[in-house]
N, C-alpha and C. Protein backbone atom coordinates (compact mmCIF):
# COMPACT_ATOMS: atom_id res chain seq x y z
N MET A 1 12.71 -15.23 -4.27
CA MET A 1 11.48 -15.12 -4.74
C MET A 1 10.98 -14.40 -2.93
N LEU A 2 10.20 -13.71 -3.24
CA LEU A 2 9.49 -13.01 -2.18
C LEU A 2 8.36 -13.65 -1.45
N LEU A 3 8.19 -14.26 -0.08
CA LEU A 3 7.19 -14.38 -0.12
C LEU A 3 6.10 -13.65 1.03
N ILE A 4 4.88 -13.48 0.70
CA ILE A 4 3.83 -12.69 1.20
C ILE A 4 2.73 -13.44 1.96
N THR A 5 2.55 -12.64 3.31
CA THR A 5 1.59 -13.54 3.85
C THR A 5 0.23 -12.44 3.81
N CYS A 6 -0.50 -13.37 2.95
CA CYS A 6 -2.02 -12.90 2.95
C CYS A 6 -2.77 -12.50 3.84
N PRO A 7 -3.46 -11.72 4.70
CA PRO A 7 -4.60 -12.00 6.22
C PRO A 7 -5.09 -13.11 5.93
N TRP A 8 -5.75 -13.71 4.21
CA TRP A 8 -6.68 -14.40 4.19
C TRP A 8 -6.24 -15.85 4.09
N CYS A 9 -5.11 -15.88 3.03
CA CYS A 9 -5.03 -17.01 2.60
C CYS A 9 -3.46 -17.80 3.24
N GLY A 10 -2.98 -16.75 4.14
CA GLY A 10 -1.78 -17.35 4.55
C GLY A 10 -0.12 -17.17 3.60
N GLU A 11 0.88 -17.19 3.79
CA GLU A 11 1.90 -17.23 3.12
C GLU A 11 1.98 -17.75 1.82
N ARG A 12 2.05 -17.22 0.66
CA ARG A 12 1.79 -17.47 -0.61
C ARG A 12 3.22 -16.55 -1.64
N GLU A 13 4.01 -17.05 -2.81
CA GLU A 13 4.66 -16.48 -3.67
C GLU A 13 4.38 -14.90 -3.84
N ASN A 14 5.11 -14.32 -4.22
CA ASN A 14 4.77 -12.97 -4.82
C ASN A 14 4.33 -12.70 -5.90
N SER A 15 4.43 -14.07 -6.48
CA SER A 15 3.83 -14.41 -8.37
C SER A 15 2.40 -14.21 -8.22
N GLU A 16 1.76 -14.28 -6.60
CA GLU A 16 0.30 -14.45 -7.10
C GLU A 16 -0.67 -12.99 -6.65
N PHE A 17 0.66 -11.74 -6.22
CA PHE A 17 0.34 -10.83 -6.31
C PHE A 17 0.17 -9.49 -6.95
N THR A 18 -0.75 -8.76 -7.31
CA THR A 18 -0.35 -7.50 -7.82
C THR A 18 -0.18 -6.10 -7.20
N CYS A 19 0.65 -5.61 -7.07
CA CYS A 19 1.09 -4.27 -6.07
C CYS A 19 0.03 -3.21 -6.72
N GLY A 20 -0.43 -2.74 -5.82
CA GLY A 20 -1.72 -1.48 -6.28
C GLY A 20 -1.26 -0.38 -5.84
N GLY A 21 0.62 0.18 -5.51
CA GLY A 21 0.99 1.42 -5.46
C GLY A 21 0.98 1.55 -4.04
N GLU A 22 1.30 3.17 -3.97
CA GLU A 22 1.32 3.45 -2.33
C GLU A 22 -0.07 3.75 -1.48
N GLY A 23 0.15 3.23 -0.41
CA GLY A 23 -1.02 2.96 0.16
C GLY A 23 -1.49 4.35 1.55
N HIS A 24 -3.21 4.37 1.09
CA HIS A 24 -3.37 5.57 2.30
C HIS A 24 -3.45 6.97 1.64
N ILE A 25 -3.90 6.94 0.55
CA ILE A 25 -3.72 8.23 -0.19
C ILE A 25 -5.06 8.67 -0.20
N LYS A 26 -5.14 10.16 0.61
CA LYS A 26 -6.38 10.36 0.56
C LYS A 26 -7.15 11.33 -0.77
N ARG A 27 -8.09 10.78 -1.08
CA ARG A 27 -8.87 11.07 -2.39
C ARG A 27 -9.25 12.90 -1.83
N PRO A 28 -9.05 13.49 -2.77
CA PRO A 28 -9.52 15.39 -2.38
C PRO A 28 -11.16 15.11 -2.92
N ASP A 29 -11.73 15.70 -1.96
CA ASP A 29 -13.06 16.37 -2.14
C ASP A 29 -13.39 16.67 -3.44
N PRO A 30 -14.31 16.14 -4.59
CA PRO A 30 -14.37 16.49 -5.95
C PRO A 30 -15.19 17.88 -6.14
N LYS A 31 -15.69 18.59 -5.22
CA LYS A 31 -16.41 19.93 -5.21
C LYS A 31 -15.64 21.04 -5.10
N THR A 32 -14.43 20.82 -3.99
CA THR A 32 -13.51 21.92 -3.93
C THR A 32 -12.04 21.64 -4.04
N ALA A 33 -12.02 20.41 -4.61
CA ALA A 33 -10.45 20.25 -4.78
C ALA A 33 -9.85 21.17 -6.18
N THR A 34 -9.09 21.83 -6.56
CA THR A 34 -8.28 22.51 -7.49
C THR A 34 -7.59 21.66 -8.37
N ASP A 35 -7.51 21.94 -9.49
CA ASP A 35 -6.61 21.25 -10.52
C ASP A 35 -5.32 20.54 -10.12
N ALA A 36 -4.54 21.65 -9.10
CA ALA A 36 -3.69 21.12 -9.01
C ALA A 36 -3.41 19.94 -7.46
N GLU A 37 -4.60 20.14 -6.76
CA GLU A 37 -4.82 19.00 -5.94
C GLU A 37 -5.10 17.64 -6.67
N TRP A 38 -5.77 17.76 -7.50
CA TRP A 38 -6.37 16.35 -8.59
C TRP A 38 -4.84 16.08 -8.81
N ALA A 39 -4.32 16.83 -9.87
CA ALA A 39 -2.88 16.56 -10.39
C ALA A 39 -1.70 15.78 -9.01
N ASP A 40 -2.01 16.07 -8.11
CA ASP A 40 -0.92 15.81 -6.92
C ASP A 40 -1.61 14.57 -6.52
N TYR A 41 -3.10 14.36 -6.24
CA TYR A 41 -3.86 13.03 -5.87
C TYR A 41 -3.35 12.02 -7.13
N LEU A 42 -3.55 12.24 -8.50
CA LEU A 42 -3.40 11.46 -9.39
C LEU A 42 -2.02 10.91 -9.93
N PHE A 43 -1.18 11.76 -9.61
CA PHE A 43 0.34 11.31 -10.14
C PHE A 43 1.40 11.61 -9.31
N MET A 44 1.36 11.73 -8.41
CA MET A 44 2.59 12.31 -7.61
C MET A 44 2.51 11.15 -6.42
N ARG A 45 3.80 10.54 -6.57
CA ARG A 45 3.96 9.47 -5.10
C ARG A 45 4.92 9.46 -4.57
N LYS A 46 5.27 8.72 -3.46
CA LYS A 46 6.51 9.29 -2.86
C LYS A 46 7.33 7.57 -3.39
N ASN A 47 8.79 8.11 -3.24
CA ASN A 47 9.59 7.08 -3.25
C ASN A 47 10.67 7.19 -2.69
N PRO A 48 10.21 6.15 -1.13
CA PRO A 48 11.18 6.62 -0.11
C PRO A 48 12.04 5.55 -0.22
N LYS A 49 13.33 5.80 0.63
CA LYS A 49 14.22 4.68 1.16
C LYS A 49 13.63 4.14 2.59
N GLY A 50 13.38 2.94 2.54
CA GLY A 50 12.89 2.30 3.95
C GLY A 50 11.65 2.18 4.20
N ALA A 51 11.29 2.04 4.92
CA ALA A 51 9.51 1.56 5.37
C ALA A 51 8.41 2.24 4.90
N HIS A 52 7.82 1.66 3.52
CA HIS A 52 6.39 2.63 3.04
C HIS A 52 5.61 1.74 2.53
N HIS A 53 4.42 2.50 2.65
CA HIS A 53 2.93 1.43 2.96
C HIS A 53 2.12 1.37 1.60
N GLU A 54 2.07 -0.05 1.28
CA GLU A 54 1.39 -0.14 0.09
C GLU A 54 0.40 -0.87 -0.22
N ARG A 55 -0.26 -0.65 -1.08
CA ARG A 55 -1.67 -1.34 -0.98
C ARG A 55 -1.46 -2.81 -2.17
N TRP A 56 -1.97 -3.94 -1.86
CA TRP A 56 -1.80 -5.28 -2.37
C TRP A 56 -2.76 -5.91 -3.17
N PHE A 57 -2.92 -6.58 -3.70
CA PHE A 57 -4.23 -7.40 -4.44
C PHE A 57 -3.54 -9.13 -4.81
N HIS A 58 -4.47 -9.68 -3.87
CA HIS A 58 -4.17 -11.21 -3.96
C HIS A 58 -4.88 -11.62 -5.32
N ALA A 59 -4.48 -11.63 -6.74
CA ALA A 59 -4.64 -11.87 -7.95
C ALA A 59 -4.83 -13.03 -8.18
N GLN A 60 -4.10 -13.97 -7.86
CA GLN A 60 -3.95 -15.71 -7.93
C GLN A 60 -4.85 -16.10 -6.51
N GLY A 61 -5.34 -15.88 -6.00
CA GLY A 61 -5.96 -16.28 -4.76
C GLY A 61 -7.30 -15.70 -4.30
N CYS A 62 -7.46 -15.25 -3.28
CA CYS A 62 -8.40 -14.82 -2.99
C CYS A 62 -9.16 -13.50 -3.38
N ARG A 63 -8.31 -12.85 -3.95
CA ARG A 63 -8.73 -11.58 -4.88
C ARG A 63 -9.31 -10.75 -3.87
N MET A 64 -8.54 -10.53 -2.67
CA MET A 64 -8.99 -9.46 -2.04
C MET A 64 -7.40 -8.63 -1.62
N TRP A 65 -7.77 -7.14 -1.41
CA TRP A 65 -7.15 -5.76 -1.43
C TRP A 65 -6.36 -6.12 0.40
N PHE A 66 -5.30 -5.64 0.47
CA PHE A 66 -4.75 -5.59 1.67
C PHE A 66 -3.23 -4.21 1.76
N HIS A 67 -3.20 -4.00 2.84
CA HIS A 67 -1.99 -2.89 2.96
C HIS A 67 -0.83 -3.94 3.43
N MET A 68 0.31 -3.73 3.18
CA MET A 68 1.86 -3.57 3.54
C MET A 68 2.66 -2.98 3.75
N THR A 69 3.36 -3.02 5.01
CA THR A 69 4.63 -2.26 4.90
C THR A 69 5.53 -2.65 4.76
N ARG A 70 6.32 -2.13 3.69
CA ARG A 70 7.48 -2.97 2.97
C ARG A 70 8.80 -2.14 3.23
N ASP A 71 10.17 -2.52 3.10
CA ASP A 71 11.12 -1.90 3.41
C ASP A 71 11.65 -1.89 1.88
N THR A 72 11.71 -0.86 1.13
CA THR A 72 12.03 -0.50 -0.34
C THR A 72 13.59 -1.00 -0.47
N VAL A 73 14.38 -0.99 0.47
CA VAL A 73 15.76 -1.31 0.40
C VAL A 73 15.54 -2.55 0.17
N THR A 74 15.72 -3.26 1.41
CA THR A 74 15.69 -4.69 1.74
C THR A 74 14.79 -5.48 0.97
N HIS A 75 13.81 -4.73 0.72
CA HIS A 75 12.32 -6.27 0.59
C HIS A 75 11.77 -6.67 1.76
N GLU A 76 12.26 -6.31 3.03
CA GLU A 76 11.67 -6.71 3.86
C GLU A 76 10.04 -6.71 4.29
N ILE A 77 9.41 -7.69 4.70
CA ILE A 77 8.24 -6.89 4.49
C ILE A 77 7.61 -7.01 6.41
N ILE A 78 7.59 -5.70 6.42
CA ILE A 78 7.30 -5.34 8.11
C ILE A 78 6.19 -5.65 9.05
N GLU A 79 4.83 -5.86 7.78
CA GLU A 79 3.59 -5.79 8.48
C GLU A 79 2.95 -5.58 7.28
N VAL A 80 1.72 -6.47 7.73
CA VAL A 80 0.26 -6.84 6.57
C VAL A 80 -0.67 -6.65 7.69
N TYR A 81 -1.58 -6.10 6.70
CA TYR A 81 -2.63 -5.34 7.76
C TYR A 81 -3.65 -5.44 6.36
N GLY A 82 -5.46 -5.49 7.42
CA GLY A 82 -6.35 -5.20 6.35
C GLY A 82 -6.42 -3.69 6.11
N ILE A 83 -7.45 -3.92 4.38
CA ILE A 83 -7.65 -2.68 3.96
C ILE A 83 -8.10 -1.51 4.77
N THR A 84 -8.69 -1.77 5.71
CA THR A 84 -9.09 -0.65 6.34
C THR A 84 -8.63 -0.17 7.37
N GLU A 85 -7.36 -0.93 7.69
CA GLU A 85 -6.87 -0.89 9.15
C GLU A 85 -5.81 0.10 9.13
N GLN A 86 -5.23 0.30 10.03
CA GLN A 86 -4.09 1.55 10.11
C GLN A 86 -2.65 0.75 10.88
N PRO A 87 -1.57 0.94 10.04
CA PRO A 87 -0.28 0.37 10.40
C PRO A 87 -0.11 0.63 11.76
N SER A 88 0.57 0.02 12.37
CA SER A 88 1.24 -0.06 13.89
C SER A 88 2.58 0.78 13.66
N GLU A 89 3.25 0.49 12.44
CA GLU A 89 4.48 1.27 12.03
C GLU A 89 4.07 2.53 11.49
N THR A 90 5.16 3.02 11.50
CA THR A 90 4.90 4.57 11.67
C THR A 90 5.43 4.69 9.53
N GLY A 91 6.60 4.22 9.41
CA GLY A 91 6.72 3.92 7.87
C GLY A 91 6.90 5.54 7.46
N ASP A 92 6.63 5.75 6.13
CA ASP A 92 6.49 6.77 5.54
C ASP A 92 5.16 7.57 5.58
N ALA A 93 3.98 7.15 6.21
CA ALA A 93 2.93 7.55 6.67
C ALA A 93 3.00 9.31 6.98
N GLU A 94 2.33 10.52 6.50
CA GLU A 94 2.07 11.35 6.61
C GLU A 94 0.72 12.08 6.24
N GLY A 95 -0.04 12.27 7.05
CA GLY A 95 -1.34 12.81 6.58
C GLY A 95 -2.29 12.20 6.34
N GLY A 96 -3.29 12.08 6.15
CA GLY A 96 -4.58 11.06 5.31
C GLY A 96 -4.83 9.64 5.83
N LEU A 97 -3.98 9.48 7.12
CA LEU A 97 -3.88 8.23 7.95
C LEU A 97 -4.79 8.68 9.20
C-alpha cells in the first residue's frame, strides 16, 4: 500500500486518490497553435525513469487537486505541493514550469 500525504488532509491510503497524469503541462494558445502543437499537448506525455511531476486528486477526501513528485521506479514520494506551486525538486520538469 502506498501512503500519500494530502496537503490538506494529511497521510491517507493511495486508494483515496486518483492520478490526473503528468503535471505542469503548458496549454498552447488556442488562437495561434498549430494542429501539431495541439496533438502534442493532448496526446504526448513523458514516461521517465526516476523523478516525475504528477497531478493528483483526493477523490475520497477533500476533493482537492495537488502536485506530487514521485520516483517512477521505486514509487517513493519525493515531494507533495499545492496545485499553484512549483516543485523544489527538478525531476523531469522542462519548460512550462
